[in-house]
Amino acid sequence: MSKEPLKSRTVFSLEGLMNLFLRILALVFIVFTVRYWLLLIGVFDPEIRFDTMANHWKVAGTFFSVFYPIAALGLWGLFRWGIVIWFLVASLELVLHVFYPEFFWQYPSLMIFHLVSMGAWLIYALIEFLDKRRKFILNSR
C-alpha cells in the first residue's frame, strides 16, 4: 500500500451545482418568454393583445419578451453578462409587481421565485468570495 495521502473526492462541486442552477433558470426564462409572447398575441385572452393593451403593458410586455430570451441565452452560456441581464429583468419585474400592482397585478409566486433564485445566487457569490479570500490569506503567509 502506498503511503501517499488520499486525494479528497467530492461528490459534487459547488460551481457545478451553480452551473446546473443557471441552466435550469435559463429554461425557466424561455418559458417566461413564451408566456409573454403568447400574452402579446392574445392567446390567453383574445380581448387582450398587443394592439388593445394599455400602454404600460405594451412597454413591459415588449421589454420582457425581448430581454427574457437574452437573459436565458446568457445564463445558458454561463456568461457573466447573462447574470447581469437576469438581475436586471428580475428586479424590474419585482418592482413592477410590488410597487405598481394596480397596473401589473400581483404575482406572489413569481415574486417569490425571483427573490429565492436571486438570493440563492447571492449566497453562492458570497461563499465563492469568502473561499477565494481564505485561499488568498493562506497563500500569502
C-alpha atoms as a PDB file:
ATOM      1  CA  MET A   1       0.000   0.000   0.000  1.00  0.00           C
ATOM      2  CA  SER A   2       1.144   3.474  -0.817  1.00  0.00           C
ATOM      3  CA  LYS A   3       1.842   5.913   1.977  1.00  0.00           C
ATOM      4  CA  GLU A   4       0.748   8.901  -0.097  1.00  0.00           C
ATOM      5  CA  PRO A   5      -2.145  10.866   1.322  1.00  0.00           C
ATOM      6  CA  LEU A   6      -5.509  10.078  -0.150  1.00  0.00           C
ATOM      7  CA  LYS A   7      -6.837  12.640  -2.557  1.00  0.00           C
ATOM      8  CA  SER A   8     -10.130  14.035  -1.489  1.00  0.00           C
ATOM      9  CA  ARG A   9     -13.004  13.163  -3.768  1.00  0.00           C
ATOM     10  CA  THR A  10     -16.078  15.280  -3.804  1.00  0.00           C
ATOM     11  CA  VAL A  11     -19.402  14.007  -4.989  1.00  0.00           C
ATOM     12  CA  PHE A  12     -20.273  17.395  -6.453  1.00  0.00           C
ATOM     13  CA  SER A  13     -18.723  20.790  -6.723  1.00  0.00           C
ATOM     14  CA  LEU A  14     -20.456  23.971  -5.720  1.00  0.00           C
ATOM     15  CA  GLU A  15     -19.519  25.530  -9.056  1.00  0.00           C
ATOM     16  CA  GLY A  16     -21.019  22.606 -10.968  1.00  0.00           C
ATOM     17  CA  LEU A  17     -24.189  22.861  -8.929  1.00  0.00           C
ATOM     18  CA  MET A  18     -24.418  26.588  -9.649  1.00  0.00           C
ATOM     19  CA  ASN A  19     -23.895  25.970 -13.374  1.00  0.00           C
ATOM     20  CA  LEU A  20     -26.772  23.487 -13.311  1.00  0.00           C
ATOM     21  CA  PHE A  21     -28.898  26.020 -11.425  1.00  0.00           C
ATOM     22  CA  LEU A  22     -28.170  28.726 -14.030  1.00  0.00           C
ATOM     23  CA  ARG A  23     -29.046  26.406 -16.903  1.00  0.00           C
ATOM     24  CA  ILE A  24     -32.324  25.378 -15.281  1.00  0.00           C
ATOM     25  CA  LEU A  25     -33.038  29.060 -14.711  1.00  0.00           C
ATOM     26  CA  ALA A  26     -32.364  29.676 -18.417  1.00  0.00           C
ATOM     27  CA  LEU A  27     -35.001  27.079 -19.320  1.00  0.00           C
ATOM     28  CA  VAL A  28     -37.481  28.717 -16.951  1.00  0.00           C
ATOM     29  CA  PHE A  29     -36.770  32.064 -18.616  1.00  0.00           C
ATOM     30  CA  ILE A  30     -37.564  30.543 -22.015  1.00  0.00           C
ATOM     31  CA  VAL A  31     -40.940  29.516 -20.578  1.00  0.00           C
ATOM     32  CA  PHE A  32     -41.428  33.087 -19.292  1.00  0.00           C
ATOM     33  CA  THR A  33     -40.533  34.382 -22.766  1.00  0.00           C
ATOM     34  CA  VAL A  34     -43.137  32.194 -24.424  1.00  0.00           C
ATOM     35  CA  ARG A  35     -45.689  33.286 -21.825  1.00  0.00           C
ATOM     36  CA  TYR A  36     -45.078  36.953 -22.652  1.00  0.00           C
ATOM     37  CA  TRP A  37     -45.197  36.306 -26.398  1.00  0.00           C
ATOM     38  CA  LEU A  38     -48.491  34.444 -26.013  1.00  0.00           C
ATOM     39  CA  LEU A  39     -49.836  37.305 -23.906  1.00  0.00           C
ATOM     40  CA  LEU A  40     -48.840  39.849 -26.559  1.00  0.00           C
ATOM     41  CA  ILE A  41     -50.521  37.987 -29.409  1.00  0.00           C
ATOM     42  CA  GLY A  42     -53.705  37.364 -27.451  1.00  0.00           C
ATOM     43  CA  VAL A  43     -53.636  33.599 -26.961  1.00  0.00           C
ATOM     44  CA  PHE A  44     -54.635  33.760 -23.288  1.00  0.00           C
ATOM     45  CA  ASP A  45     -57.480  36.190 -23.898  1.00  0.00           C
ATOM     46  CA  PRO A  46     -58.350  37.320 -27.433  1.00  0.00           C
ATOM     47  CA  GLU A  47     -59.641  40.589 -25.995  1.00  0.00           C
ATOM     48  CA  ILE A  48     -56.212  41.343 -24.549  1.00  0.00           C
ATOM     49  CA  ARG A  49     -53.499  41.502 -27.178  1.00  0.00           C
ATOM     50  CA  PHE A  50     -50.764  43.998 -28.030  1.00  0.00           C
ATOM     51  CA  ASP A  51     -52.916  46.382 -30.068  1.00  0.00           C
ATOM     52  CA  THR A  52     -55.603  46.568 -27.372  1.00  0.00           C
ATOM     53  CA  MET A  53     -53.347  46.615 -24.293  1.00  0.00           C
ATOM     54  CA  ALA A  54     -52.801  49.631 -22.100  1.00  0.00           C
ATOM     55  CA  ASN A  55     -49.568  51.479 -22.833  1.00  0.00           C
ATOM     56  CA  HIS A  56     -47.873  50.362 -19.616  1.00  0.00           C
ATOM     57  CA  TRP A  57     -48.480  46.712 -20.544  1.00  0.00           C
ATOM     58  CA  LYS A  58     -47.238  47.321 -24.088  1.00  0.00           C
ATOM     59  CA  VAL A  59     -43.940  48.674 -22.795  1.00  0.00           C
ATOM     60  CA  ALA A  60     -43.499  46.000 -20.110  1.00  0.00           C
ATOM     61  CA  GLY A  61     -44.565  43.139 -22.368  1.00  0.00           C
ATOM     62  CA  THR A  62     -42.242  44.226 -25.141  1.00  0.00           C
ATOM     63  CA  PHE A  63     -39.316  44.668 -22.735  1.00  0.00           C
ATOM     64  CA  PHE A  64     -39.766  41.259 -21.107  1.00  0.00           C
ATOM     65  CA  SER A  65     -40.426  39.414 -24.375  1.00  0.00           C
ATOM     66  CA  VAL A  66     -37.068  40.717 -25.659  1.00  0.00           C
ATOM     67  CA  PHE A  67     -34.915  40.610 -22.520  1.00  0.00           C
ATOM     68  CA  TYR A  68     -36.045  37.246 -21.108  1.00  0.00           C
ATOM     69  CA  PRO A  69     -34.551  35.313 -24.047  1.00  0.00           C
ATOM     70  CA  ILE A  70     -31.381  37.439 -23.879  1.00  0.00           C
ATOM     71  CA  ALA A  71     -31.050  36.586 -20.183  1.00  0.00           C
ATOM     72  CA  ALA A  72     -31.787  32.924 -20.938  1.00  0.00           C
ATOM     73  CA  LEU A  73     -29.063  32.846 -23.588  1.00  0.00           C
ATOM     74  CA  GLY A  74     -26.565  34.444 -21.215  1.00  0.00           C
ATOM     75  CA  LEU A  75     -27.454  32.101 -18.375  1.00  0.00           C
ATOM     76  CA  TRP A  76     -27.332  29.005 -20.582  1.00  0.00           C
ATOM     77  CA  GLY A  77     -23.900  30.011 -21.843  1.00  0.00           C
ATOM     78  CA  LEU A  78     -22.788  30.713 -18.270  1.00  0.00           C
ATOM     79  CA  PHE A  79     -21.719  34.224 -19.248  1.00  0.00           C
ATOM     80  CA  ARG A  80     -21.349  36.896 -16.562  1.00  0.00           C
ATOM     81  CA  TRP A  81     -23.431  39.329 -18.616  1.00  0.00           C
ATOM     82  CA  GLY A  82     -26.268  36.781 -18.515  1.00  0.00           C
ATOM     83  CA  ILE A  83     -26.359  37.082 -14.743  1.00  0.00           C
ATOM     84  CA  VAL A  84     -26.420  40.887 -15.027  1.00  0.00           C
ATOM     85  CA  ILE A  85     -29.330  40.795 -17.503  1.00  0.00           C
ATOM     86  CA  TRP A  86     -31.108  38.238 -15.302  1.00  0.00           C
ATOM     87  CA  PHE A  87     -30.814  40.500 -12.246  1.00  0.00           C
ATOM     88  CA  LEU A  88     -31.996  43.473 -14.309  1.00  0.00           C
ATOM     89  CA  VAL A  89     -35.046  41.657 -15.681  1.00  0.00           C
ATOM     90  CA  ALA A  90     -35.975  40.011 -12.371  1.00  0.00           C
ATOM     91  CA  SER A  91     -35.506  43.240 -10.416  1.00  0.00           C
ATOM     92  CA  LEU A  92     -37.618  45.240 -12.853  1.00  0.00           C
ATOM     93  CA  GLU A  93     -40.367  42.641 -12.783  1.00  0.00           C
ATOM     94  CA  LEU A  94     -40.303  42.657  -8.984  1.00  0.00           C
ATOM     95  CA  VAL A  95     -40.543  46.461  -8.937  1.00  0.00           C
ATOM     96  CA  LEU A  96     -43.486  46.462 -11.342  1.00  0.00           C
ATOM     97  CA  HIS A  97     -45.465  43.838  -9.437  1.00  0.00           C
ATOM     98  CA  VAL A  98     -44.619  45.095  -5.938  1.00  0.00           C
ATOM     99  CA  PHE A  99     -44.876  48.861  -6.377  1.00  0.00           C
ATOM    100  CA  TYR A 100     -47.454  49.059  -9.176  1.00  0.00           C
ATOM    101  CA  PRO A 101     -49.907  46.206  -8.541  1.00  0.00           C
ATOM    102  CA  GLU A 102     -52.813  48.345  -9.745  1.00  0.00           C
ATOM    103  CA  PHE A 103     -51.254  48.331 -13.231  1.00  0.00           C
ATOM    104  CA  PHE A 104     -49.440  44.978 -13.326  1.00  0.00           C
ATOM    105  CA  TRP A 105     -51.376  42.829 -10.836  1.00  0.00           C
ATOM    106  CA  GLN A 106     -49.691  40.867  -8.095  1.00  0.00           C
ATOM    107  CA  TYR A 107     -47.999  37.561  -8.757  1.00  0.00           C
ATOM    108  CA  PRO A 108     -46.835  36.282  -5.368  1.00  0.00           C
ATOM    109  CA  SER A 109     -45.451  33.059  -6.842  1.00  0.00           C
ATOM    110  CA  LEU A 110     -43.440  34.963  -9.458  1.00  0.00           C
ATOM    111  CA  MET A 111     -42.126  37.373  -6.851  1.00  0.00           C
ATOM    112  CA  ILE A 112     -41.106  34.501  -4.558  1.00  0.00           C
ATOM    113  CA  PHE A 113     -39.424  32.730  -7.484  1.00  0.00           C
ATOM    114  CA  HIS A 114     -37.351  35.793  -8.364  1.00  0.00           C
ATOM    115  CA  LEU A 115     -36.407  36.507  -4.746  1.00  0.00           C
ATOM    116  CA  VAL A 116     -35.421  32.909  -3.997  1.00  0.00           C
ATOM    117  CA  SER A 117     -33.417  32.464  -7.204  1.00  0.00           C
ATOM    118  CA  MET A 118     -31.599  35.778  -6.781  1.00  0.00           C
ATOM    119  CA  GLY A 119     -30.993  35.015  -3.103  1.00  0.00           C
ATOM    120  CA  ALA A 120     -29.548  31.593  -3.963  1.00  0.00           C
ATOM    121  CA  TRP A 121     -27.124  33.173  -6.420  1.00  0.00           C
ATOM    122  CA  LEU A 122     -26.121  35.862  -3.910  1.00  0.00           C
ATOM    123  CA  ILE A 123     -25.405  33.200  -1.284  1.00  0.00           C
ATOM    124  CA  TYR A 124     -23.278  31.308  -3.823  1.00  0.00           C
ATOM    125  CA  ALA A 125     -21.399  34.507  -4.722  1.00  0.00           C
ATOM    126  CA  LEU A 126     -20.749  35.187  -1.033  1.00  0.00           C
ATOM    127  CA  ILE A 127     -19.457  31.648  -0.458  1.00  0.00           C
ATOM    128  CA  GLU A 128     -17.226  31.939  -3.525  1.00  0.00           C
ATOM    129  CA  PHE A 129     -15.878  35.306  -2.350  1.00  0.00           C
ATOM    130  CA  LEU A 130     -15.133  34.024   1.156  1.00  0.00           C
ATOM    131  CA  ASP A 131     -13.432  30.922  -0.258  1.00  0.00           C
ATOM    132  CA  LYS A 132     -11.193  32.988  -2.560  1.00  0.00           C
ATOM    133  CA  ARG A 133     -10.373  35.315   0.319  1.00  0.00           C
ATOM    134  CA  ARG A 134      -9.479  32.376   2.548  1.00  0.00           C
ATOM    135  CA  LYS A 135      -7.212  30.900  -0.136  1.00  0.00           C
ATOM    136  CA  PHE A 136      -5.555  34.274  -0.686  1.00  0.00           C
ATOM    137  CA  ILE A 137      -4.853  34.671   3.041  1.00  0.00           C
ATOM    138  CA  LEU A 138      -3.462  31.138   3.280  1.00  0.00           C
ATOM    139  CA  ASN A 139      -1.210  31.654   0.248  1.00  0.00           C
ATOM    140  CA  SER A 140       0.100  34.999   1.485  1.00  0.00           C
ATOM    141  CA  ARG A 141       1.530  33.515   4.686  1.00  0.00           C
END
